[in-house]
Amino acid sequence: NTDISSGSGVFCRVSYSEGMGRTNANRAQQKRERNAKEAGAVPASQLKANQQALNVVCSICKQPFVCTVQDSELQRHVDGKHPTSSFNACFPMKAK
């Protein structure tokens, strides 16, 4: 929007519409959609695979962890949530 003065000191507001610009994100999304349409494939969801990967479970509180979790992260869980229990009591499948 720009204010323009006419000769008599009266201001009128002129509106310039800015069109939707093309951004790289917009172009990339259009390219993904076009490629998916050409391939005839529907994007696959990772939700099932993510649920199946949660196979390390705390035997006390039943909190699931991803199968690639490190023992240090599990030890942090034991120390924070179950300070009176041992690592082997919480995670017998990962017994040290």
N, C-alpha and C. Protein backbone atom coordinates (compact mmCIF):
# COMPACT_ATOMS: atom_id res chain seq x y z
N ASN A 1 0.84 -1.18 0.00
CA ASN A 1 0.00 0.00 0.00
C ASN A 1 0.88 1.24 0.00
N THR A 2 0.48 2.23 -0.77
CA THR A 2 1.25 3.46 -0.89
C THR A 2 0.29 4.64 -0.83
N ASP A 3 0.70 5.69 -0.10
CA ASP A 3 -0.09 6.92 -0.06
C ASP A 3 0.38 7.83 -1.18
N ILE A 4 -0.56 8.33 -1.95
CA ILE A 4 -0.24 9.23 -3.05
C ILE A 4 -0.99 10.54 -2.83
N SER A 5 -0.29 11.63 -3.00
CA SER A 5 -0.91 12.93 -2.79
C SER A 5 -1.40 13.47 -4.13
N SER A 6 -2.65 13.88 -4.15
CA SER A 6 -3.13 14.56 -5.35
C SER A 6 -2.77 16.04 -5.19
N GLY A 7 -2.92 16.81 -6.19
CA GLY A 7 -2.51 18.21 -6.17
C GLY A 7 -3.17 19.04 -5.08
N SER A 8 -4.35 18.69 -4.63
CA SER A 8 -5.07 19.50 -3.66
C SER A 8 -4.75 19.12 -2.22
N GLY A 9 -3.76 18.31 -2.00
CA GLY A 9 -3.40 17.93 -0.64
C GLY A 9 -4.21 16.77 -0.10
N VAL A 10 -5.06 16.18 -0.93
CA VAL A 10 -5.85 15.04 -0.49
C VAL A 10 -5.06 13.77 -0.77
N PHE A 11 -4.99 12.94 0.22
CA PHE A 11 -4.26 11.68 0.06
C PHE A 11 -5.23 10.56 -0.28
N CYS A 12 -4.82 9.74 -1.17
CA CYS A 12 -5.61 8.55 -1.45
C CYS A 12 -4.67 7.34 -1.38
N ARG A 13 -5.19 6.26 -0.94
CA ARG A 13 -4.39 5.06 -0.74
C ARG A 13 -4.50 4.20 -1.99
N VAL A 14 -3.34 3.83 -2.52
CA VAL A 14 -3.28 2.97 -3.69
C VAL A 14 -2.77 1.61 -3.23
N SER A 15 -3.44 0.60 -3.63
CA SER A 15 -3.06 -0.74 -3.21
C SER A 15 -2.41 -1.48 -4.36
N TYR A 16 -1.24 -2.01 -4.10
CA TYR A 16 -0.56 -2.83 -5.09
C TYR A 16 -0.64 -4.27 -4.60
N SER A 17 -1.21 -5.10 -5.40
CA SER A 17 -1.31 -6.50 -4.96
C SER A 17 -0.03 -7.22 -5.35
N GLU A 18 0.48 -7.90 -4.38
CA GLU A 18 1.67 -8.69 -4.64
C GLU A 18 1.23 -10.13 -4.86
N GLY A 19 1.55 -10.69 -6.01
CA GLY A 19 1.18 -12.06 -6.30
C GLY A 19 1.98 -13.02 -5.44
N MET A 20 1.50 -14.23 -5.36
CA MET A 20 2.22 -15.23 -4.58
C MET A 20 3.52 -15.54 -5.28
N GLY A 21 4.60 -15.30 -4.59
CA GLY A 21 5.90 -15.54 -5.16
C GLY A 21 6.22 -17.02 -5.20
N ARG A 22 7.11 -17.39 -6.07
CA ARG A 22 7.54 -18.77 -6.14
C ARG A 22 8.74 -18.94 -5.23
N THR A 23 8.60 -19.82 -4.30
CA THR A 23 9.71 -20.09 -3.41
C THR A 23 10.29 -21.45 -3.76
N ASN A 24 11.48 -21.71 -3.27
CA ASN A 24 12.09 -23.00 -3.53
C ASN A 24 11.29 -24.13 -2.91
N ALA A 25 10.72 -23.88 -1.73
CA ALA A 25 9.91 -24.90 -1.06
C ALA A 25 8.67 -25.22 -1.88
N ASN A 26 8.05 -24.19 -2.45
CA ASN A 26 6.87 -24.38 -3.27
C ASN A 26 7.21 -25.18 -4.52
N ARG A 27 8.32 -24.84 -5.14
CA ARG A 27 8.73 -25.57 -6.35
C ARG A 27 9.08 -27.01 -6.03
N ALA A 28 9.75 -27.23 -4.91
CA ALA A 28 10.12 -28.59 -4.52
C ALA A 28 8.87 -29.43 -4.25
N GLN A 29 7.88 -28.84 -3.60
CA GLN A 29 6.64 -29.58 -3.32
C GLN A 29 5.92 -29.90 -4.62
N GLN A 30 5.88 -28.96 -5.55
CA GLN A 30 5.24 -29.22 -6.84
C GLN A 30 5.97 -30.33 -7.58
N LYS A 31 7.29 -30.34 -7.51
CA LYS A 31 8.06 -31.38 -8.18
C LYS A 31 7.80 -32.74 -7.55
N ARG A 32 7.71 -32.81 -6.21
CA ARG A 32 7.40 -34.07 -5.55
C ARG A 32 6.02 -34.58 -5.97
N GLU A 33 5.05 -33.68 -6.02
CA GLU A 33 3.70 -34.08 -6.43
C GLU A 33 3.68 -34.56 -7.87
N ARG A 34 4.40 -33.86 -8.74
CA ARG A 34 4.45 -34.24 -10.15
C ARG A 34 5.13 -35.60 -10.31
N ASN A 35 6.24 -35.82 -9.63
CA ASN A 35 6.93 -37.09 -9.71
C ASN A 35 6.08 -38.24 -9.17
N ALA A 36 5.35 -37.99 -8.09
CA ALA A 36 4.49 -39.03 -7.52
C ALA A 36 3.35 -39.35 -8.48
N LYS A 37 2.84 -38.33 -9.16
CA LYS A 37 1.75 -38.55 -10.10
C LYS A 37 2.25 -39.36 -11.29
N GLU A 38 3.46 -39.04 -11.77
CA GLU A 38 4.03 -39.76 -12.91
C GLU A 38 4.34 -41.21 -12.54
N ALA A 39 4.81 -41.43 -11.33
CA ALA A 39 5.17 -42.78 -10.90
C ALA A 39 3.93 -43.59 -10.54
N GLY A 40 2.84 -42.91 -10.25
CA GLY A 40 1.61 -43.59 -9.88
C GLY A 40 1.66 -44.17 -8.49
N ALA A 41 2.62 -43.74 -7.70
CA ALA A 41 2.78 -44.28 -6.35
C ALA A 41 2.17 -43.34 -5.33
N VAL A 42 1.65 -43.94 -4.29
CA VAL A 42 1.13 -43.18 -3.17
C VAL A 42 2.23 -43.13 -2.12
N PRO A 43 2.52 -41.98 -1.54
CA PRO A 43 3.57 -41.92 -0.53
C PRO A 43 3.26 -42.88 0.62
N ALA A 44 4.24 -43.69 0.98
CA ALA A 44 4.05 -44.68 2.03
C ALA A 44 4.24 -44.05 3.40
N SER A 45 3.49 -44.52 4.34
CA SER A 45 3.59 -44.02 5.70
C SER A 45 4.60 -44.85 6.49
N GLN A 46 5.33 -44.19 7.36
CA GLN A 46 6.33 -44.86 8.19
C GLN A 46 5.75 -45.29 9.53
N LEU A 47 4.47 -45.03 9.78
CA LEU A 47 3.91 -45.27 11.11
C LEU A 47 3.98 -46.73 11.52
N LYS A 48 3.69 -47.66 10.62
CA LYS A 48 3.75 -49.08 10.95
C LYS A 48 5.17 -49.50 11.29
N ALA A 49 6.11 -49.08 10.47
CA ALA A 49 7.50 -49.43 10.70
C ALA A 49 8.01 -48.84 12.02
N ASN A 50 7.58 -47.62 12.33
CA ASN A 50 7.99 -46.99 13.59
C ASN A 50 7.44 -47.76 14.79
N GLN A 51 6.19 -48.21 14.70
CA GLN A 51 5.60 -48.97 15.80
C GLN A 51 6.30 -50.31 15.98
N GLN A 52 6.69 -50.95 14.89
CA GLN A 52 7.36 -52.24 14.98
C GLN A 52 8.78 -52.09 15.52
N ALA A 53 9.38 -50.94 15.34
CA ALA A 53 10.75 -50.72 15.81
C ALA A 53 10.80 -50.48 17.32
N LEU A 54 9.65 -50.25 17.96
CA LEU A 54 9.60 -50.02 19.40
C LEU A 54 9.56 -51.36 20.13
N ASN A 55 10.65 -52.10 20.10
CA ASN A 55 10.60 -53.43 20.69
C ASN A 55 11.43 -53.57 21.96
N VAL A 56 12.02 -52.50 22.47
CA VAL A 56 12.67 -52.52 23.78
C VAL A 56 11.70 -51.83 24.73
N VAL A 57 11.22 -52.57 25.74
CA VAL A 57 10.19 -52.06 26.63
C VAL A 57 10.65 -52.20 28.08
N CYS A 58 10.46 -51.14 28.84
CA CYS A 58 10.75 -51.18 30.26
C CYS A 58 9.73 -52.10 30.92
N SER A 59 10.22 -53.10 31.66
CA SER A 59 9.30 -54.07 32.25
C SER A 59 8.54 -53.51 33.45
N ILE A 60 8.96 -52.36 33.98
CA ILE A 60 8.27 -51.77 35.13
C ILE A 60 7.15 -50.84 34.68
N CYS A 61 7.48 -49.86 33.84
CA CYS A 61 6.46 -48.87 33.43
C CYS A 61 5.95 -49.09 32.01
N LYS A 62 6.50 -50.07 31.32
CA LYS A 62 6.05 -50.43 29.95
C LYS A 62 6.29 -49.34 28.92
N GLN A 63 7.24 -48.45 29.16
CA GLN A 63 7.57 -47.42 28.17
C GLN A 63 8.39 -48.05 27.05
N PRO A 64 7.95 -47.88 25.81
CA PRO A 64 8.69 -48.48 24.68
C PRO A 64 9.86 -47.60 24.24
N PHE A 65 10.88 -48.25 23.72
CA PHE A 65 12.05 -47.58 23.17
C PHE A 65 12.34 -48.18 21.80
N VAL A 66 12.94 -47.40 20.93
CA VAL A 66 13.31 -47.87 19.60
C VAL A 66 14.42 -48.90 19.75
N CYS A 67 14.45 -49.87 18.86
CA CYS A 67 15.40 -50.98 18.97
C CYS A 67 16.85 -50.52 18.89
N THR A 68 17.12 -49.35 18.35
CA THR A 68 18.49 -48.86 18.22
C THR A 68 18.93 -48.00 19.40
N VAL A 69 18.14 -47.99 20.49
CA VAL A 69 18.47 -47.15 21.64
C VAL A 69 19.76 -47.65 22.28
N GLN A 70 20.57 -46.70 22.75
CA GLN A 70 21.84 -47.06 23.38
C GLN A 70 21.61 -47.36 24.85
N ASP A 71 22.48 -48.18 25.41
CA ASP A 71 22.36 -48.55 26.82
C ASP A 71 22.46 -47.34 27.73
N SER A 72 23.20 -46.32 27.32
CA SER A 72 23.31 -45.12 28.16
C SER A 72 21.95 -44.42 28.29
N GLU A 73 21.18 -44.43 27.23
CA GLU A 73 19.84 -43.82 27.28
C GLU A 73 18.91 -44.65 28.18
N LEU A 74 19.03 -45.96 28.09
CA LEU A 74 18.23 -46.82 28.96
C LEU A 74 18.64 -46.63 30.42
N GLN A 75 19.92 -46.48 30.67
CA GLN A 75 20.40 -46.25 32.04
C GLN A 75 19.87 -44.92 32.57
N ARG A 76 19.80 -43.92 31.72
CA ARG A 76 19.23 -42.63 32.11
C ARG A 76 17.76 -42.78 32.48
N HIS A 77 17.04 -43.64 31.76
CA HIS A 77 15.64 -43.91 32.08
C HIS A 77 15.54 -44.57 33.45
N VAL A 78 16.38 -45.56 33.70
CA VAL A 78 16.36 -46.26 34.98
C VAL A 78 16.67 -45.30 36.12
N ASP A 79 17.69 -44.47 35.95
CA ASP A 79 18.08 -43.52 37.00
C ASP A 79 17.00 -42.48 37.26
N GLY A 80 16.33 -42.03 36.22
CA GLY A 80 15.32 -40.98 36.37
C GLY A 80 13.97 -41.47 36.81
N LYS A 81 13.51 -42.59 36.28
CA LYS A 81 12.16 -43.07 36.55
C LYS A 81 12.10 -44.12 37.66
N HIS A 82 13.13 -44.95 37.75
CA HIS A 82 13.11 -46.06 38.69
C HIS A 82 14.42 -46.12 39.48
N PRO A 83 14.68 -45.13 40.32
CA PRO A 83 15.98 -45.07 41.01
C PRO A 83 16.22 -46.24 41.98
N THR A 84 15.15 -46.88 42.44
CA THR A 84 15.33 -47.99 43.37
C THR A 84 15.49 -49.32 42.65
N SER A 85 15.29 -49.36 41.35
CA SER A 85 15.39 -50.59 40.59
C SER A 85 16.73 -50.66 39.86
N SER A 86 17.11 -51.87 39.49
CA SER A 86 18.36 -52.04 38.76
C SER A 86 18.08 -52.02 37.26
N PHE A 87 19.16 -51.86 36.49
CA PHE A 87 19.05 -51.88 35.03
C PHE A 87 18.46 -53.20 34.56
N ASN A 88 18.93 -54.32 35.14
CA ASN A 88 18.47 -55.64 34.73
C ASN A 88 17.00 -55.87 35.07
N ALA A 89 16.50 -55.22 36.12
CA ALA A 89 15.09 -55.36 36.47
C ALA A 89 14.21 -54.63 35.46
N CYS A 90 14.68 -53.51 34.96
CA CYS A 90 13.90 -52.73 33.99
C CYS A 90 13.99 -53.32 32.59
N PHE A 91 15.19 -53.73 32.20
CA PHE A 91 15.42 -54.21 30.83
C PHE A 91 16.10 -55.57 30.87
N PRO A 92 15.37 -56.63 31.18
CA PRO A 92 15.99 -57.96 31.25
C PRO A 92 16.53 -58.43 29.89
N MET A 93 15.93 -57.97 28.81
CA MET A 93 16.41 -58.38 27.48
C MET A 93 17.75 -57.73 27.12
N LYS A 94 18.14 -56.69 27.84
CA LYS A 94 19.41 -55.98 27.61
C LYS A 94 20.33 -56.14 28.80
N ALA A 95 20.22 -57.23 29.51
CA ALA A 95 20.98 -57.44 30.75
C ALA A 95 22.47 -57.28 30.49
N LYS A 96 23.11 -56.55 31.40
CA LYS A 96 24.55 -56.29 31.28
C LYS A 96 25.34 -57.41 31.91
